[in-house]
Amino acid sequence: MSRLKIGQKAVIDSFPENSGESLKLLSLGILPGDEIEVTSKALLFGPLSLKHCNDTFFALRRSHASKIFVRLID
């Protein structure tokens, strides 16, 4: 997910189970199969700002985003 560009949309394929990253995503109601969109990226490898399919916005560290596998939506 960390390689997505601003404005790109993707579907979450998978993320690590039993990790801090997955617990955060699950607590926000974000699951594999959900659509996300990158709304902004901080400079110098800062966090990503993302929009979930239900119009929830959240931020995620790039190190966490790099462990989440997605596929692009055309």
N, C-alpha and C. Protein backbone atom coordinates (compact mmCIF):
# COMPACT_ATOMS: atom_id res chain seq x y z
N MET A 1 0.81 -1.19 0.00
CA MET A 1 0.00 0.00 0.00
C MET A 1 0.86 1.26 0.00
N SER A 2 2.04 1.21 0.55
CA SER A 2 2.88 2.40 0.69
C SER A 2 3.32 2.96 -0.66
N ARG A 3 3.22 2.18 -1.74
CA ARG A 3 3.64 2.64 -3.07
C ARG A 3 2.52 3.30 -3.86
N LEU A 4 1.32 3.31 -3.32
CA LEU A 4 0.22 3.96 -4.02
C LEU A 4 0.46 5.46 -4.10
N LYS A 5 -0.04 6.06 -5.16
CA LYS A 5 0.07 7.50 -5.35
C LYS A 5 -1.20 8.18 -4.88
N ILE A 6 -1.09 9.47 -4.62
CA ILE A 6 -2.25 10.24 -4.19
C ILE A 6 -3.35 10.13 -5.25
N GLY A 7 -4.56 9.83 -4.79
CA GLY A 7 -5.71 9.68 -5.68
C GLY A 7 -5.95 8.27 -6.16
N GLN A 8 -4.97 7.39 -5.99
CA GLN A 8 -5.16 6.00 -6.43
C GLN A 8 -6.07 5.26 -5.45
N LYS A 9 -6.89 4.39 -6.02
CA LYS A 9 -7.79 3.56 -5.23
C LYS A 9 -7.33 2.11 -5.35
N ALA A 10 -7.54 1.37 -4.28
CA ALA A 10 -7.14 -0.03 -4.26
C ALA A 10 -8.06 -0.82 -3.34
N VAL A 11 -8.03 -2.13 -3.51
CA VAL A 11 -8.75 -3.04 -2.64
C VAL A 11 -7.73 -3.75 -1.77
N ILE A 12 -8.00 -3.83 -0.48
CA ILE A 12 -7.09 -4.51 0.44
C ILE A 12 -7.19 -6.01 0.21
N ASP A 13 -6.07 -6.63 -0.13
CA ASP A 13 -6.02 -8.09 -0.30
C ASP A 13 -5.75 -8.78 1.03
N SER A 14 -4.74 -8.29 1.76
CA SER A 14 -4.41 -8.92 3.04
C SER A 14 -3.52 -8.00 3.85
N PHE A 15 -3.47 -8.27 5.16
CA PHE A 15 -2.52 -7.62 6.04
C PHE A 15 -2.14 -8.61 7.12
N PRO A 16 -0.99 -8.39 7.79
CA PRO A 16 -0.50 -9.36 8.76
C PRO A 16 -1.52 -9.59 9.89
N GLU A 17 -1.70 -10.84 10.25
CA GLU A 17 -2.59 -11.16 11.36
C GLU A 17 -1.85 -11.01 12.68
N ASN A 18 -2.60 -10.74 13.72
CA ASN A 18 -2.04 -10.66 15.08
C ASN A 18 -0.90 -9.67 15.20
N SER A 19 -1.05 -8.52 14.60
CA SER A 19 -0.04 -7.47 14.73
C SER A 19 -0.73 -6.18 15.12
N GLY A 20 0.05 -5.21 15.56
CA GLY A 20 -0.50 -3.91 15.92
C GLY A 20 -1.19 -3.24 14.76
N GLU A 21 -0.61 -3.40 13.57
CA GLU A 21 -1.21 -2.80 12.38
C GLU A 21 -2.59 -3.39 12.11
N SER A 22 -2.69 -4.70 12.19
CA SER A 22 -3.98 -5.33 11.88
C SER A 22 -5.02 -4.99 12.94
N LEU A 23 -4.62 -4.88 14.20
CA LEU A 23 -5.56 -4.51 15.25
C LEU A 23 -6.11 -3.11 15.03
N LYS A 24 -5.24 -2.18 14.61
CA LYS A 24 -5.69 -0.82 14.33
C LYS A 24 -6.70 -0.82 13.19
N LEU A 25 -6.38 -1.52 12.11
CA LEU A 25 -7.29 -1.57 10.96
C LEU A 25 -8.62 -2.22 11.34
N LEU A 26 -8.56 -3.32 12.06
CA LEU A 26 -9.79 -4.00 12.46
C LEU A 26 -10.64 -3.13 13.38
N SER A 27 -9.99 -2.37 14.27
CA SER A 27 -10.74 -1.49 15.18
C SER A 27 -11.45 -0.37 14.43
N LEU A 28 -10.93 -0.02 13.26
CA LEU A 28 -11.56 1.00 12.41
C LEU A 28 -12.60 0.39 11.46
N GLY A 29 -12.77 -0.93 11.52
CA GLY A 29 -13.73 -1.59 10.64
C GLY A 29 -13.20 -1.84 9.24
N ILE A 30 -11.88 -1.84 9.10
CA ILE A 30 -11.25 -2.03 7.79
C ILE A 30 -10.85 -3.50 7.66
N LEU A 31 -11.33 -4.13 6.59
CA LEU A 31 -11.13 -5.56 6.40
C LEU A 31 -10.60 -5.83 4.99
N PRO A 32 -9.98 -7.01 4.80
CA PRO A 32 -9.62 -7.39 3.44
C PRO A 32 -10.87 -7.38 2.55
N GLY A 33 -10.70 -6.88 1.33
CA GLY A 33 -11.82 -6.74 0.42
C GLY A 33 -12.38 -5.32 0.38
N ASP A 34 -12.01 -4.50 1.36
CA ASP A 34 -12.48 -3.12 1.41
C ASP A 34 -11.68 -2.24 0.45
N GLU A 35 -12.34 -1.19 -0.02
CA GLU A 35 -11.70 -0.23 -0.92
C GLU A 35 -11.12 0.93 -0.11
N ILE A 36 -9.92 1.36 -0.48
CA ILE A 36 -9.30 2.53 0.14
C ILE A 36 -8.77 3.45 -0.96
N GLU A 37 -8.57 4.72 -0.59
CA GLU A 37 -8.00 5.71 -1.51
C GLU A 37 -6.97 6.53 -0.75
N VAL A 38 -5.82 6.77 -1.38
CA VAL A 38 -4.79 7.62 -0.78
C VAL A 38 -5.19 9.07 -1.02
N THR A 39 -5.36 9.84 0.07
CA THR A 39 -5.76 11.25 -0.07
C THR A 39 -4.58 12.20 0.08
N SER A 40 -3.53 11.79 0.81
CA SER A 40 -2.31 12.60 0.89
C SER A 40 -1.18 11.76 1.46
N LYS A 41 0.04 12.25 1.23
CA LYS A 41 1.25 11.59 1.74
C LYS A 41 2.14 12.66 2.35
N ALA A 42 2.59 12.43 3.57
CA ALA A 42 3.50 13.37 4.21
C ALA A 42 4.89 13.23 3.60
N LEU A 43 5.65 14.28 3.67
CA LEU A 43 7.01 14.27 3.15
C LEU A 43 7.93 13.40 4.00
N LEU A 44 9.06 13.04 3.44
CA LEU A 44 10.11 12.32 4.16
C LEU A 44 9.62 11.05 4.83
N PHE A 45 8.88 10.27 4.08
CA PHE A 45 8.41 8.95 4.56
C PHE A 45 7.49 9.05 5.76
N GLY A 46 6.74 10.15 5.84
CA GLY A 46 5.74 10.32 6.89
C GLY A 46 4.51 9.48 6.60
N PRO A 47 3.45 9.67 7.38
CA PRO A 47 2.26 8.83 7.24
C PRO A 47 1.46 9.11 5.97
N LEU A 48 0.62 8.13 5.64
CA LEU A 48 -0.33 8.26 4.53
C LEU A 48 -1.68 8.63 5.12
N SER A 49 -2.40 9.47 4.42
CA SER A 49 -3.79 9.76 4.78
C SER A 49 -4.65 8.98 3.81
N LEU A 50 -5.59 8.22 4.35
CA LEU A 50 -6.38 7.30 3.54
C LEU A 50 -7.87 7.52 3.77
N LYS A 51 -8.64 7.21 2.75
CA LYS A 51 -10.10 7.26 2.84
C LYS A 51 -10.62 5.85 2.66
N HIS A 52 -11.41 5.39 3.60
CA HIS A 52 -12.02 4.07 3.56
C HIS A 52 -13.31 4.17 2.75
N CYS A 53 -13.79 3.06 2.24
CA CYS A 53 -14.98 3.05 1.37
C CYS A 53 -16.22 3.63 2.05
N ASN A 54 -16.24 3.65 3.38
CA ASN A 54 -17.41 4.21 4.08
C ASN A 54 -17.20 5.67 4.46
N ASP A 55 -16.28 6.35 3.77
CA ASP A 55 -15.97 7.77 3.98
C ASP A 55 -15.30 8.07 5.32
N THR A 56 -14.66 7.09 5.92
CA THR A 56 -13.85 7.30 7.11
C THR A 56 -12.44 7.64 6.66
N PHE A 57 -11.86 8.67 7.25
CA PHE A 57 -10.48 9.05 6.95
C PHE A 57 -9.59 8.61 8.10
N PHE A 58 -8.39 8.11 7.78
CA PHE A 58 -7.45 7.70 8.82
C PHE A 58 -6.04 7.84 8.29
N ALA A 59 -5.09 7.90 9.23
CA ALA A 59 -3.67 7.99 8.87
C ALA A 59 -2.99 6.69 9.25
N LEU A 60 -1.96 6.35 8.49
CA LEU A 60 -1.23 5.11 8.73
C LEU A 60 0.24 5.34 8.44
N ARG A 61 1.09 4.90 9.34
CA ARG A 61 2.54 5.01 9.11
C ARG A 61 2.92 4.25 7.85
N ARG A 62 3.89 4.78 7.13
CA ARG A 62 4.34 4.09 5.91
C ARG A 62 4.90 2.71 6.22
N SER A 63 5.57 2.58 7.36
CA SER A 63 6.12 1.26 7.72
C SER A 63 4.99 0.25 7.90
N HIS A 64 3.84 0.68 8.40
CA HIS A 64 2.69 -0.21 8.54
C HIS A 64 2.04 -0.45 7.18
N ALA A 65 1.93 0.62 6.39
CA ALA A 65 1.31 0.51 5.07
C ALA A 65 2.08 -0.45 4.16
N SER A 66 3.39 -0.51 4.35
CA SER A 66 4.21 -1.38 3.49
C SER A 66 3.92 -2.86 3.73
N LYS A 67 3.26 -3.20 4.83
CA LYS A 67 2.94 -4.59 5.15
C LYS A 67 1.54 -4.99 4.70
N ILE A 68 0.82 -4.05 4.10
CA ILE A 68 -0.54 -4.30 3.65
C ILE A 68 -0.53 -4.49 2.14
N PHE A 69 -1.08 -5.60 1.70
CA PHE A 69 -1.09 -5.93 0.27
C PHE A 69 -2.43 -5.50 -0.33
N VAL A 70 -2.34 -4.78 -1.45
CA VAL A 70 -3.53 -4.26 -2.13
C VAL A 70 -3.43 -4.54 -3.62
N ARG A 71 -4.57 -4.40 -4.29
CA ARG A 71 -4.57 -4.44 -5.76
C ARG A 71 -5.30 -3.21 -6.24
N LEU A 72 -4.72 -2.59 -7.27
CA LEU A 72 -5.26 -1.34 -7.81
C LEU A 72 -6.63 -1.53 -8.45
N ILE A 73 -7.43 -0.49 -8.35
CA ILE A 73 -8.71 -0.43 -9.04
C ILE A 73 -8.52 0.49 -10.24
N ASP A 74 -8.91 0.03 -11.40
CA ASP A 74 -8.76 0.86 -12.62
C ASP A 74 -9.80 1.95 -12.67
